[in-house]
Amino acid sequence: AMQDIEKIETASLNAREIVKKLLVFARQTPPDKQLVNLNEVVKSGLHFFEARCDRQGIEIVRLLSPDLPNITADASQLNQILVNLVVNALQAMPGGGKLTVQTEVHGSELLLAITDTGVGMSDEILKQIFLPFFTTKDVGHGTGLGLPVVHGIVTSHGGSIEVESVMGRGSRFEIRLPTTRTGYAKEALT
């Protein structure tokens, strides 16, 4: 009976996590927005993956633009975007490869691009990756909420996300976030 209780407990904790993620996806949880440096988010996020990348034979390439303006964003949600995309990239490269994380300023937008040299995705899969509960993983692995959550966060930050992928060559996720420079001046005055 103890085992059953443990199973139920695990299941309910999983359910709670899923509900939390769905709330983010539904944007019911208001983001906690502050001035954030995207490069700092990337550096601290990638730090967690260094050991795993070493083990998996994956080289991390950081192309971080030195002169990024800060943006008004929820740092923990941006971290969630990075972690989700990096985890997907690593899973796409079971035999090793190269993970490239790039930041750039494009006019009034910041670009965050995450590129892998992994297995790639078919057009069929690409059409569905942002739908909740769509997953290519085996049952029990992955809730299929990673990319929909990423999509939800990006949208709630007024940004956009695009993906390109070639089977056997790899995938590239590009996120654009508004810098809303005008927003700063107002905040600085209050």
Protein backbone atom coordinates (compact mmCIF):
# COMPACT_ATOMS: atom_id res chain seq x y z
CA ALA A 1 0.00 0.00 0.00
CA MET A 2 2.94 2.32 0.74
CA GLN A 3 4.13 1.89 -2.87
CA ASP A 4 0.67 2.87 -4.12
CA ILE A 5 0.71 5.99 -1.98
CA GLU A 6 4.14 6.89 -3.34
CA LYS A 7 2.89 6.34 -6.89
CA ILE A 8 -0.13 8.54 -6.26
CA GLU A 9 2.10 11.20 -4.71
CA THR A 10 4.45 11.18 -7.70
CA ALA A 11 1.52 11.32 -10.10
CA SER A 12 -0.06 14.26 -8.29
CA LEU A 13 3.26 16.13 -8.16
CA ASN A 14 3.61 15.57 -11.90
CA ALA A 15 0.05 16.77 -12.39
CA ARG A 16 0.80 19.87 -10.34
CA GLU A 17 3.84 20.63 -12.49
CA ILE A 18 1.78 20.19 -15.65
CA VAL A 19 -0.92 22.50 -14.31
CA LYS A 20 1.72 25.09 -13.45
CA LYS A 21 3.15 24.86 -16.94
CA LEU A 22 -0.31 25.10 -18.46
CA LEU A 23 -0.97 28.22 -16.42
CA VAL A 24 2.16 29.77 -17.86
CA PHE A 25 1.00 28.58 -21.27
CA ALA A 26 -2.40 30.17 -20.71
CA ARG A 27 -0.56 33.26 -19.43
CA GLN A 28 -2.66 33.34 -16.26
CA THR A 29 0.44 33.80 -14.14
CA PRO A 30 1.54 37.39 -14.68
CA PRO A 31 5.24 37.51 -15.56
CA ASP A 32 7.44 39.23 -12.99
CA LYS A 33 9.08 41.72 -15.32
CA GLN A 34 12.32 43.53 -14.54
CA LEU A 35 15.30 44.80 -16.50
CA VAL A 36 17.16 41.73 -17.70
CA ASN A 37 20.35 41.17 -19.66
CA LEU A 38 19.73 38.29 -22.06
CA ASN A 39 23.45 37.41 -22.17
CA GLU A 40 23.46 36.89 -18.39
CA VAL A 41 20.43 34.58 -18.69
CA VAL A 42 22.23 32.60 -21.42
CA LYS A 43 25.53 32.39 -19.52
CA SER A 44 24.00 31.21 -16.25
CA GLY A 45 21.63 28.83 -18.08
CA LEU A 46 24.35 27.21 -20.19
CA HIS A 47 26.53 26.79 -17.12
CA PHE A 48 24.16 24.02 -15.93
CA PHE A 49 24.59 22.08 -19.16
CA GLU A 50 28.38 22.13 -19.43
CA ALA A 51 28.98 18.80 -17.68
CA ARG A 52 26.19 17.09 -19.62
CA CYS A 53 27.52 18.43 -22.93
CA ASP A 54 31.01 17.19 -22.09
CA ARG A 55 29.61 13.73 -21.38
CA GLN A 56 27.56 13.73 -24.59
CA GLY A 57 30.42 14.99 -26.73
CA ILE A 58 28.63 18.25 -27.53
CA GLU A 59 30.57 21.42 -28.13
CA ILE A 60 28.88 24.62 -26.90
CA VAL A 61 29.49 27.67 -29.09
CA ARG A 62 28.52 31.00 -27.54
CA LEU A 63 28.06 33.89 -29.97
CA LEU A 64 26.91 36.58 -27.56
CA SER A 65 26.71 40.14 -28.81
CA PRO A 66 28.58 42.37 -26.32
CA ASP A 67 26.31 45.40 -26.64
CA LEU A 68 22.86 44.00 -25.86
CA PRO A 69 20.47 46.50 -24.33
CA ASN A 70 18.64 45.25 -21.23
CA ILE A 71 15.03 44.30 -21.83
CA THR A 72 12.01 44.33 -19.57
CA ALA A 73 11.27 40.66 -19.08
CA ASP A 74 10.72 37.89 -16.56
CA ALA A 75 14.22 36.45 -16.05
CA SER A 76 12.99 33.07 -14.78
CA GLN A 77 10.69 32.70 -17.80
CA LEU A 78 13.53 33.61 -20.18
CA ASN A 79 15.61 30.99 -18.38
CA GLN A 80 12.79 28.49 -18.95
CA ILE A 81 12.87 29.26 -22.70
CA LEU A 82 16.62 28.69 -22.82
CA VAL A 83 16.53 25.48 -20.77
CA ASN A 84 13.65 24.01 -22.82
CA LEU A 85 15.35 24.76 -26.13
CA VAL A 86 18.76 23.53 -24.96
CA VAL A 87 17.28 20.29 -23.57
CA ASN A 88 15.53 19.68 -26.91
CA ALA A 89 18.76 20.40 -28.77
CA LEU A 90 20.75 17.98 -26.59
CA GLN A 91 18.13 15.27 -27.04
CA ALA A 92 18.41 15.75 -30.80
CA MET A 93 22.17 15.02 -30.62
CA PRO A 94 22.53 11.63 -28.93
CA GLY A 95 25.77 11.03 -30.82
CA GLY A 96 27.33 14.39 -29.97
CA GLY A 97 27.49 17.54 -32.07
CA LYS A 98 27.53 21.29 -31.78
CA LEU A 99 25.16 23.55 -29.85
CA THR A 100 25.32 27.19 -30.91
CA VAL A 101 23.66 29.89 -28.82
CA GLN A 102 23.60 33.33 -30.36
CA THR A 103 22.35 36.74 -29.21
CA GLU A 104 22.15 39.82 -31.41
CA VAL A 105 20.47 43.21 -31.64
CA HIS A 106 18.28 43.68 -34.71
CA GLY A 107 16.90 47.22 -34.71
CA SER A 108 14.29 47.30 -31.96
CA GLU A 109 14.47 43.54 -31.35
CA LEU A 110 16.81 41.14 -29.61
CA LEU A 111 17.51 37.84 -31.29
CA LEU A 112 18.16 34.62 -29.39
CA ALA A 113 19.03 31.74 -31.71
CA ILE A 114 19.69 28.17 -30.63
CA THR A 115 21.08 25.84 -33.27
CA ASP A 116 21.91 22.14 -33.04
CA THR A 117 23.54 19.71 -35.47
CA GLY A 118 21.12 16.96 -34.51
CA VAL A 119 18.59 14.66 -36.13
CA GLY A 120 16.30 17.45 -37.36
CA MET A 121 12.53 17.37 -37.71
CA SER A 122 10.22 16.50 -40.57
CA ASP A 123 7.77 19.09 -41.91
CA GLU A 124 5.01 16.97 -40.36
CA ILE A 125 6.50 17.37 -36.89
CA LEU A 126 7.43 21.03 -37.43
CA LYS A 127 3.76 21.85 -38.03
CA GLN A 128 2.83 20.51 -34.61
CA ILE A 129 5.70 21.26 -32.23
CA PHE A 130 3.98 24.24 -30.61
CA LEU A 131 0.71 22.39 -29.93
CA PRO A 132 0.20 21.41 -26.27
CA PHE A 133 0.71 17.72 -25.51
CA PHE A 134 2.32 16.98 -28.87
CA THR A 135 5.47 15.00 -28.15
CA THR A 136 7.86 12.90 -30.22
CA LYS A 137 9.19 11.24 -27.07
CA ASP A 138 8.17 7.85 -25.76
CA VAL A 139 5.24 7.63 -23.40
CA GLY A 140 6.38 8.68 -19.94
CA HIS A 141 9.17 10.88 -21.27
CA GLY A 142 8.29 14.48 -21.84
CA THR A 143 4.88 16.03 -21.37
CA GLY A 144 4.84 17.68 -24.78
CA LEU A 145 4.65 21.00 -22.96
CA GLY A 146 8.22 22.23 -23.49
CA LEU A 147 7.74 24.08 -26.77
CA PRO A 148 4.14 25.23 -26.19
CA VAL A 149 5.32 26.75 -22.91
CA VAL A 150 8.23 28.42 -24.73
CA HIS A 151 5.76 29.73 -27.30
CA GLY A 152 3.46 31.03 -24.55
CA ILE A 153 6.28 32.85 -22.76
CA VAL A 154 7.64 34.37 -25.97
CA THR A 155 4.16 35.59 -26.92
CA SER A 156 3.51 37.03 -23.46
CA HIS A 157 6.74 39.03 -23.88
CA GLY A 158 5.50 40.43 -27.19
CA GLY A 159 8.01 38.37 -29.14
CA SER A 160 7.97 35.80 -31.91
CA ILE A 161 9.56 32.40 -32.47
CA GLU A 162 10.52 30.67 -35.69
CA VAL A 163 12.09 27.33 -36.37
CA GLU A 164 13.94 25.87 -39.31
CA SER A 165 14.95 22.25 -39.46
CA VAL A 166 16.52 19.84 -41.90
CA MET A 167 16.28 16.08 -41.34
CA GLY A 168 19.72 14.71 -40.46
CA ARG A 169 21.26 18.20 -40.37
CA GLY A 170 19.79 19.90 -37.31
CA SER A 171 17.38 22.59 -36.16
CA ARG A 172 17.51 26.29 -35.44
CA PHE A 173 15.10 28.12 -33.14
CA GLU A 174 15.03 31.88 -33.47
CA ILE A 175 13.35 34.02 -30.85
CA ARG A 176 12.85 37.74 -31.27
CA LEU A 177 12.02 39.89 -28.26
CA PRO A 178 11.16 43.61 -28.40
CA THR A 179 13.70 45.85 -26.66
CA THR A 180 11.02 48.53 -26.05
CA ARG A 181 13.64 51.16 -25.35
CA THR A 182 10.89 53.76 -24.99
CA GLY A 183 9.54 51.81 -22.01
CA TYR A 184 12.74 52.50 -20.08
CA ALA A 185 12.63 56.24 -20.21
CA LYS A 186 9.16 56.21 -18.66
CA GLU A 187 10.21 53.75 -15.95
CA ALA A 188 13.33 55.73 -15.16
CA LEU A 189 11.25 58.84 -14.49
CA THR A 190 8.77 57.24 -12.10
